[in-house]
Amino acid sequence: MALLAARISKNAADWTDRELLRFVLRNEARGWNELVRRFRPLIYRCITKVTLRYAPTLSNADLDEIFADVMMQLVRDDM
């Protein structure tokens, strides 16, 4: 395990997806922060694509609320 820890980069931006997942599932703050940083744009694009189809007049605040709800569901469901 020490060898594995030595191979994991100190810089979260350099982590592989597998390394990121390991930190997220251990409930480590730096893992969660990197997950949000890395996947926020993708999640927002998905939210926007779906909501534009059914509710084209949503505000940015509405999109932010949906994003927050998605994040809360991840936390609630143990990631």
PDB file of N, CA and C in Angstrom:
ATOM      1  N   MET A   1       0.818  -1.190   0.000  1.00  0.00           N
ATOM      2  CA  MET A   1       0.000   0.000   0.000  1.00  0.00           C
ATOM      3  C   MET A   1       0.861   1.254   0.000  1.00  0.00           C
ATOM      4  N   ALA A   2       1.996   1.201   0.698  1.00  0.00           N
ATOM      5  CA  ALA A   2       2.888   2.368   0.728  1.00  0.00           C
ATOM      6  C   ALA A   2       3.423   2.666  -0.660  1.00  0.00           C
ATOM      7  N   LEU A   3       3.698   1.620  -1.430  1.00  0.00           N
ATOM      8  CA  LEU A   3       4.178   1.814  -2.790  1.00  0.00           C
ATOM      9  C   LEU A   3       3.110   2.507  -3.628  1.00  0.00           C
ATOM     10  N   LEU A   4       1.864   2.095  -3.464  1.00  0.00           N
ATOM     11  CA  LEU A   4       0.768   2.717  -4.189  1.00  0.00           C
ATOM     12  C   LEU A   4       0.633   4.174  -3.801  1.00  0.00           C
ATOM     13  N   ALA A   5       0.714   4.465  -2.512  1.00  0.00           N
ATOM     14  CA  ALA A   5       0.611   5.843  -2.051  1.00  0.00           C
ATOM     15  C   ALA A   5       1.743   6.692  -2.609  1.00  0.00           C
ATOM     16  N   ALA A   6       2.916   6.108  -2.757  1.00  0.00           N
ATOM     17  CA  ALA A   6       4.059   6.849  -3.291  1.00  0.00           C
ATOM     18  C   ALA A   6       3.853   7.174  -4.772  1.00  0.00           C
ATOM     19  N   ARG A   7       3.109   6.319  -5.493  1.00  0.00           N
ATOM     20  CA  ARG A   7       2.882   6.550  -6.922  1.00  0.00           C
ATOM     21  C   ARG A   7       1.810   7.587  -7.190  1.00  0.00           C
ATOM     22  N   ILE A   8       0.906   7.816  -6.241  1.00  0.00           N
ATOM     23  CA  ILE A   8      -0.172   8.775  -6.449  1.00  0.00           C
ATOM     24  C   ILE A   8       0.400  10.182  -6.365  1.00  0.00           C
ATOM     25  N   SER A   9       0.127  10.959  -7.383  1.00  0.00           N
ATOM     26  CA  SER A   9       0.657  12.315  -7.459  1.00  0.00           C
ATOM     27  C   SER A   9       0.111  13.179  -6.326  1.00  0.00           C
ATOM     28  N   LYS A  10       0.933  14.076  -5.854  1.00  0.00           N
ATOM     29  CA  LYS A  10       0.498  15.033  -4.834  1.00  0.00           C
ATOM     30  C   LYS A  10      -0.485  16.034  -5.434  1.00  0.00           C
ATOM     31  N   ASN A  11      -0.348  16.301  -6.730  1.00  0.00           N
ATOM     32  CA  ASN A  11      -1.207  17.262  -7.402  1.00  0.00           C
ATOM     33  C   ASN A  11      -2.492  16.560  -7.857  1.00  0.00           C
ATOM     34  N   ALA A  12      -3.625  16.969  -7.294  1.00  0.00           N
ATOM     35  CA  ALA A  12      -4.896  16.304  -7.588  1.00  0.00           C
ATOM     36  C   ALA A  12      -5.250  16.357  -9.073  1.00  0.00           C
ATOM     37  N   ALA A  13      -4.843  17.399  -9.763  1.00  0.00           N
ATOM     38  CA  ALA A  13      -5.152  17.522 -11.183  1.00  0.00           C
ATOM     39  C   ALA A  13      -4.470  16.430 -12.005  1.00  0.00           C
ATOM     40  N   ASP A  14      -3.410  15.825 -11.466  1.00  0.00           N
ATOM     41  CA  ASP A  14      -2.684  14.767 -12.172  1.00  0.00           C
ATOM     42  C   ASP A  14      -3.197  13.365 -11.861  1.00  0.00           C
ATOM     43  N   TRP A  15      -4.140  13.240 -10.939  1.00  0.00           N
ATOM     44  CA  TRP A  15      -4.659  11.923 -10.582  1.00  0.00           C
ATOM     45  C   TRP A  15      -5.367  11.287 -11.770  1.00  0.00           C
ATOM     46  N   THR A  16      -5.254   9.974 -11.858  1.00  0.00           N
ATOM     47  CA  THR A  16      -6.079   9.237 -12.827  1.00  0.00           C
ATOM     48  C   THR A  16      -7.499   9.197 -12.267  1.00  0.00           C
ATOM     49  N   ASP A  17      -8.439   8.800 -13.101  1.00  0.00           N
ATOM     50  CA  ASP A  17      -9.818   8.679 -12.621  1.00  0.00           C
ATOM     51  C   ASP A  17      -9.909   7.640 -11.507  1.00  0.00           C
ATOM     52  N   ARG A  18      -9.127   6.584 -11.614  1.00  0.00           N
ATOM     53  CA  ARG A  18      -9.123   5.539 -10.584  1.00  0.00           C
ATOM     54  C   ARG A  18      -8.630   6.108  -9.247  1.00  0.00           C
ATOM     55  N   GLU A  19      -7.568   6.903  -9.292  1.00  0.00           N
ATOM     56  CA  GLU A  19      -7.047   7.514  -8.068  1.00  0.00           C
ATOM     57  C   GLU A  19      -8.060   8.483  -7.484  1.00  0.00           C
ATOM     58  N   LEU A  20      -8.682   9.268  -8.361  1.00  0.00           N
ATOM     59  CA  LEU A  20      -9.700  10.211  -7.908  1.00  0.00           C
ATOM     60  C   LEU A  20     -10.837   9.466  -7.220  1.00  0.00           C
ATOM     61  N   LEU A  21     -11.309   8.402  -7.840  1.00  0.00           N
ATOM     62  CA  LEU A  21     -12.398   7.616  -7.258  1.00  0.00           C
ATOM     63  C   LEU A  21     -12.015   7.063  -5.895  1.00  0.00           C
ATOM     64  N   ARG A  22     -10.787   6.625  -5.752  1.00  0.00           N
ATOM     65  CA  ARG A  22     -10.315   6.094  -4.470  1.00  0.00           C
ATOM     66  C   ARG A  22     -10.436   7.162  -3.375  1.00  0.00           C
ATOM     67  N   PHE A  23     -10.001   8.386  -3.673  1.00  0.00           N
ATOM     68  CA  PHE A  23     -10.080   9.457  -2.677  1.00  0.00           C
ATOM     69  C   PHE A  23     -11.524   9.849  -2.376  1.00  0.00           C
ATOM     70  N   VAL A  24     -12.361   9.875  -3.404  1.00  0.00           N
ATOM     71  CA  VAL A  24     -13.768  10.232  -3.201  1.00  0.00           C
ATOM     72  C   VAL A  24     -14.457   9.193  -2.318  1.00  0.00           C
ATOM     73  N   LEU A  25     -14.225   7.921  -2.605  1.00  0.00           N
ATOM     74  CA  LEU A  25     -14.883   6.863  -1.836  1.00  0.00           C
ATOM     75  C   LEU A  25     -14.363   6.772  -0.404  1.00  0.00           C
ATOM     76  N   ARG A  26     -13.201   7.317  -0.152  1.00  0.00           N
ATOM     77  CA  ARG A  26     -12.679   7.393   1.224  1.00  0.00           C
ATOM     78  C   ARG A  26     -13.174   8.643   1.949  1.00  0.00           C
ATOM     79  N   ASN A  27     -14.031   9.399   1.287  1.00  0.00           N
ATOM     80  CA  ASN A  27     -14.578  10.645   1.840  1.00  0.00           C
ATOM     81  C   ASN A  27     -13.500  11.665   2.172  1.00  0.00           C
ATOM     82  N   GLU A  28     -12.458  11.707   1.362  1.00  0.00           N
ATOM     83  CA  GLU A  28     -11.402  12.689   1.571  1.00  0.00           C
ATOM     84  C   GLU A  28     -11.773  13.976   0.842  1.00  0.00           C
ATOM     85  N   ALA A  29     -11.653  15.088   1.539  1.00  0.00           N
ATOM     86  CA  ALA A  29     -12.068  16.385   0.995  1.00  0.00           C
ATOM     87  C   ALA A  29     -11.360  16.707  -0.314  1.00  0.00           C
ATOM     88  N   ARG A  30     -10.071  16.403  -0.402  1.00  0.00           N
ATOM     89  CA  ARG A  30      -9.361  16.742  -1.635  1.00  0.00           C
ATOM     90  C   ARG A  30      -9.868  15.925  -2.814  1.00  0.00           C
ATOM     91  N   GLY A  31     -10.345  14.724  -2.561  1.00  0.00           N
ATOM     92  CA  GLY A  31     -10.940  13.926  -3.629  1.00  0.00           C
ATOM     93  C   GLY A  31     -12.249  14.527  -4.109  1.00  0.00           C
ATOM     94  N   TRP A  32     -13.089  14.912  -3.166  1.00  0.00           N
ATOM     95  CA  TRP A  32     -14.378  15.524  -3.510  1.00  0.00           C
ATOM     96  C   TRP A  32     -14.147  16.836  -4.255  1.00  0.00           C
ATOM     97  N   ASN A  33     -13.219  17.663  -3.763  1.00  0.00           N
ATOM     98  CA  ASN A  33     -12.931  18.945  -4.415  1.00  0.00           C
ATOM     99  C   ASN A  33     -12.459  18.743  -5.850  1.00  0.00           C
ATOM    100  N   GLU A  34     -11.619  17.752  -6.063  1.00  0.00           N
ATOM    101  CA  GLU A  34     -11.119  17.476  -7.415  1.00  0.00           C
ATOM    102  C   GLU A  34     -12.230  16.923  -8.302  1.00  0.00           C
ATOM    103  N   LEU A  35     -13.097  16.087  -7.757  1.00  0.00           N
ATOM    104  CA  LEU A  35     -14.216  15.555  -8.532  1.00  0.00           C
ATOM    105  C   LEU A  35     -15.103  16.697  -9.018  1.00  0.00           C
ATOM    106  N   VAL A  36     -15.425  17.621  -8.129  1.00  0.00           N
ATOM    107  CA  VAL A  36     -16.268  18.758  -8.500  1.00  0.00           C
ATOM    108  C   VAL A  36     -15.547  19.618  -9.534  1.00  0.00           C
ATOM    109  N   ARG A  37     -14.256  19.891  -9.311  1.00  0.00           N
ATOM    110  CA  ARG A  37     -13.503  20.721 -10.248  1.00  0.00           C
ATOM    111  C   ARG A  37     -13.447  20.074 -11.638  1.00  0.00           C
ATOM    112  N   ARG A  38     -13.230  18.782 -11.664  1.00  0.00           N
ATOM    113  CA  ARG A  38     -13.030  18.069 -12.922  1.00  0.00           C
ATOM    114  C   ARG A  38     -14.326  17.840 -13.686  1.00  0.00           C
ATOM    115  N   PHE A  39     -15.421  17.573 -12.974  1.00  0.00           N
ATOM    116  CA  PHE A  39     -16.649  17.166 -13.650  1.00  0.00           C
ATOM    117  C   PHE A  39     -17.773  18.194 -13.626  1.00  0.00           C
ATOM    118  N   ARG A  40     -17.555  19.339 -12.962  1.00  0.00           N
ATOM    119  CA  ARG A  40     -18.594  20.379 -12.940  1.00  0.00           C
ATOM    120  C   ARG A  40     -19.036  20.774 -14.348  1.00  0.00           C
ATOM    121  N   PRO A  41     -18.106  21.066 -15.267  1.00  0.00           N
ATOM    122  CA  PRO A  41     -18.553  21.471 -16.609  1.00  0.00           C
ATOM    123  C   PRO A  41     -19.403  20.402 -17.310  1.00  0.00           C
ATOM    124  N   LEU A  42     -19.024  19.153 -17.180  1.00  0.00           N
ATOM    125  CA  LEU A  42     -19.780  18.067 -17.799  1.00  0.00           C
ATOM    126  C   LEU A  42     -21.179  17.960 -17.189  1.00  0.00           C
ATOM    127  N   ILE A  43     -21.265  18.042 -15.879  1.00  0.00           N
ATOM    128  CA  ILE A  43     -22.564  17.940 -15.212  1.00  0.00           C
ATOM    129  C   ILE A  43     -23.458  19.105 -15.610  1.00  0.00           C
ATOM    130  N   TYR A  44     -22.898  20.319 -15.662  1.00  0.00           N
ATOM    131  CA  TYR A  44     -23.687  21.477 -16.083  1.00  0.00           C
ATOM    132  C   TYR A  44     -24.164  21.327 -17.525  1.00  0.00           C
ATOM    133  N   ARG A  45     -23.310  20.805 -18.404  1.00  0.00           N
ATOM    134  CA  ARG A  45     -23.744  20.593 -19.796  1.00  0.00           C
ATOM    135  C   ARG A  45     -24.905  19.618 -19.862  1.00  0.00           C
ATOM    136  N   CYS A  46     -24.834  18.547 -19.088  1.00  0.00           N
ATOM    137  CA  CYS A  46     -25.925  17.557 -19.069  1.00  0.00           C
ATOM    138  C   CYS A  46     -27.210  18.180 -18.526  1.00  0.00           C
ATOM    139  N   ILE A  47     -27.089  18.925 -17.443  1.00  0.00           N
ATOM    140  CA  ILE A  47     -28.259  19.586 -16.861  1.00  0.00           C
ATOM    141  C   ILE A  47     -28.878  20.535 -17.875  1.00  0.00           C
ATOM    142  N   THR A  48     -28.049  21.334 -18.512  1.00  0.00           N
ATOM    143  CA  THR A  48     -28.541  22.315 -19.482  1.00  0.00           C
ATOM    144  C   THR A  48     -29.213  21.629 -20.657  1.00  0.00           C
ATOM    145  N   LYS A  49     -28.602  20.572 -21.161  1.00  0.00           N
ATOM    146  CA  LYS A  49     -29.169  19.866 -22.312  1.00  0.00           C
ATOM    147  C   LYS A  49     -30.548  19.294 -21.993  1.00  0.00           C
ATOM    148  N   VAL A  50     -30.689  18.698 -20.832  1.00  0.00           N
ATOM    149  CA  VAL A  50     -31.979  18.097 -20.456  1.00  0.00           C
ATOM    150  C   VAL A  50     -33.011  19.176 -20.154  1.00  0.00           C
ATOM    151  N   THR A  51     -32.621  20.184 -19.384  1.00  0.00           N
ATOM    152  CA  THR A  51     -33.607  21.193 -18.988  1.00  0.00           C
ATOM    153  C   THR A  51     -34.051  22.066 -20.153  1.00  0.00           C
ATOM    154  N   LEU A  52     -33.188  22.314 -21.117  1.00  0.00           N
ATOM    155  CA  LEU A  52     -33.598  23.117 -22.269  1.00  0.00           C
ATOM    156  C   LEU A  52     -34.710  22.433 -23.058  1.00  0.00           C
ATOM    157  N   ARG A  53     -34.709  21.123 -23.016  1.00  0.00           N
ATOM    158  CA  ARG A  53     -35.742  20.371 -23.731  1.00  0.00           C
ATOM    159  C   ARG A  53     -37.106  20.538 -23.049  1.00  0.00           C
ATOM    160  N   TYR A  54     -37.118  20.576 -21.717  1.00  0.00           N
ATOM    161  CA  TYR A  54     -38.385  20.568 -20.983  1.00  0.00           C
ATOM    162  C   TYR A  54     -38.731  21.895 -20.333  1.00  0.00           C
ATOM    163  N   ALA A  55     -37.745  22.713 -20.046  1.00  0.00           N
ATOM    164  CA  ALA A  55     -38.000  24.005 -19.390  1.00  0.00           C
ATOM    165  C   ALA A  55     -36.988  25.030 -19.918  1.00  0.00           C
ATOM    166  N   PRO A  56     -37.205  25.537 -21.121  1.00  0.00           N
ATOM    167  CA  PRO A  56     -36.200  26.386 -21.758  1.00  0.00           C
ATOM    168  C   PRO A  56     -35.977  27.747 -21.095  1.00  0.00           C
ATOM    169  N   THR A  57     -36.769  28.098 -20.124  1.00  0.00           N
ATOM    170  CA  THR A  57     -36.636  29.431 -19.521  1.00  0.00           C
ATOM    171  C   THR A  57     -36.030  29.394 -18.115  1.00  0.00           C
ATOM    172  N   LEU A  58     -35.308  28.351 -17.775  1.00  0.00           N
ATOM    173  CA  LEU A  58     -34.688  28.291 -16.448  1.00  0.00           C
ATOM    174  C   LEU A  58     -33.568  29.317 -16.333  1.00  0.00           C
ATOM    175  N   SER A  59     -33.449  29.890 -15.161  1.00  0.00           N
ATOM    176  CA  SER A  59     -32.389  30.867 -14.912  1.00  0.00           C
ATOM    177  C   SER A  59     -31.110  30.158 -14.480  1.00  0.00           C
ATOM    178  N   ASN A  60     -30.028  30.928 -14.392  1.00  0.00           N
ATOM    179  CA  ASN A  60     -28.765  30.374 -13.900  1.00  0.00           C
ATOM    180  C   ASN A  60     -28.920  29.891 -12.458  1.00  0.00           C
ATOM    181  N   ALA A  61     -29.715  30.593 -11.675  1.00  0.00           N
ATOM    182  CA  ALA A  61     -29.945  30.175 -10.290  1.00  0.00           C
ATOM    183  C   ALA A  61     -30.642  28.816 -10.248  1.00  0.00           C
ATOM    184  N   ASP A  62     -31.560  28.595 -11.178  1.00  0.00           N
ATOM    185  CA  ASP A  62     -32.239  27.292 -11.257  1.00  0.00           C
ATOM    186  C   ASP A  62     -31.241  26.185 -11.615  1.00  0.00           C
ATOM    187  N   LEU A  63     -30.364  26.472 -12.570  1.00  0.00           N
ATOM    188  CA  LEU A  63     -29.352  25.484 -12.959  1.00  0.00           C
ATOM    189  C   LEU A  63     -28.409  25.192 -11.788  1.00  0.00           C
ATOM    190  N   ASP A  64     -28.034  26.239 -11.054  1.00  0.00           N
ATOM    191  CA  ASP A  64     -27.179  26.053  -9.879  1.00  0.00           C
ATOM    192  C   ASP A  64     -27.868  25.191  -8.825  1.00  0.00           C
ATOM    193  N   GLU A  65     -29.159  25.382  -8.659  1.00  0.00           N
ATOM    194  CA  GLU A  65     -29.912  24.595  -7.681  1.00  0.00           C
ATOM    195  C   GLU A  65     -29.974  23.122  -8.093  1.00  0.00           C
ATOM    196  N   ILE A  66     -30.163  22.864  -9.367  1.00  0.00           N
ATOM    197  CA  ILE A  66     -30.177  21.488  -9.859  1.00  0.00           C
ATOM    198  C   ILE A  66     -28.806  20.852  -9.659  1.00  0.00           C
ATOM    199  N   PHE A  67     -27.742  21.596  -9.967  1.00  0.00           N
ATOM    200  CA  PHE A  67     -26.385  21.092  -9.760  1.00  0.00           C
ATOM    201  C   PHE A  67     -26.167  20.750  -8.293  1.00  0.00           C
ATOM    202  N   ALA A  68     -26.573  21.645  -7.400  1.00  0.00           N
ATOM    203  CA  ALA A  68     -26.417  21.400  -5.962  1.00  0.00           C
ATOM    204  C   ALA A  68     -27.196  20.161  -5.538  1.00  0.00           C
ATOM    205  N   ASP A  69     -28.363  19.968  -6.110  1.00  0.00           N
ATOM    206  CA  ASP A  69     -29.172  18.793  -5.781  1.00  0.00           C
ATOM    207  C   ASP A  69     -28.480  17.508  -6.249  1.00  0.00           C
ATOM    208  N   VAL A  70     -27.883  17.540  -7.420  1.00  0.00           N
ATOM    209  CA  VAL A  70     -27.138  16.373  -7.922  1.00  0.00           C
ATOM    210  C   VAL A  70     -25.987  16.047  -6.977  1.00  0.00           C
ATOM    211  N   MET A  71     -25.245  17.076  -6.572  1.00  0.00           N
ATOM    212  CA  MET A  71     -24.110  16.863  -5.658  1.00  0.00           C
ATOM    213  C   MET A  71     -24.584  16.305  -4.312  1.00  0.00           C
ATOM    214  N   MET A  72     -25.677  16.827  -3.797  1.00  0.00           N
ATOM    215  CA  MET A  72     -26.211  16.355  -2.519  1.00  0.00           C
ATOM    216  C   MET A  72     -26.664  14.903  -2.619  1.00  0.00           C
ATOM    217  N   GLN A  73     -27.234  14.541  -3.754  1.00  0.00           N
ATOM    218  CA  GLN A  73     -27.646  13.144  -3.942  1.00  0.00           C
ATOM    219  C   GLN A  73     -26.440  12.216  -3.972  1.00  0.00           C
ATOM    220  N   LEU A  74     -25.358  12.660  -4.577  1.00  0.00           N
ATOM    221  CA  LEU A  74     -24.130  11.836  -4.553  1.00  0.00           C
ATOM    222  C   LEU A  74     -23.658  11.611  -3.128  1.00  0.00           C
ATOM    223  N   VAL A  75     -23.638  12.668  -2.348  1.00  0.00           N
ATOM    224  CA  VAL A  75     -23.183  12.558  -0.945  1.00  0.00           C
ATOM    225  C   VAL A  75     -24.144  11.673  -0.160  1.00  0.00           C
ATOM    226  N   ARG A  76     -25.416  11.911  -0.334  1.00  0.00           N
ATOM    227  CA  ARG A  76     -26.437  11.151   0.413  1.00  0.00           C
ATOM    228  C   ARG A  76     -26.362   9.653   0.102  1.00  0.00           C
ATOM    229  N   ASP A  77     -26.061   9.339  -1.154  1.00  0.00           N
ATOM    230  CA  ASP A  77     -26.023   7.937  -1.577  1.00  0.00           C
ATOM    231  C   ASP A  77     -24.623   7.343  -1.480  1.00  0.00           C
ATOM    232  N   ASP A  78     -23.807   7.880  -0.573  1.00  0.00           N
ATOM    233  CA  ASP A  78     -22.438   7.388  -0.347  1.00  0.00           C
ATOM    234  C   ASP A  78     -21.578   7.412  -1.600  1.00  0.00           C
ATOM    235  N   MET A  79     -21.706   8.470  -2.329  1.00  0.00           N
ATOM    236  CA  MET A  79     -20.922   8.731  -3.538  1.00  0.00           C
ATOM    237  C   MET A  79     -21.299   7.788  -4.655  1.00  0.00           C
TER     238      MET A  79
END
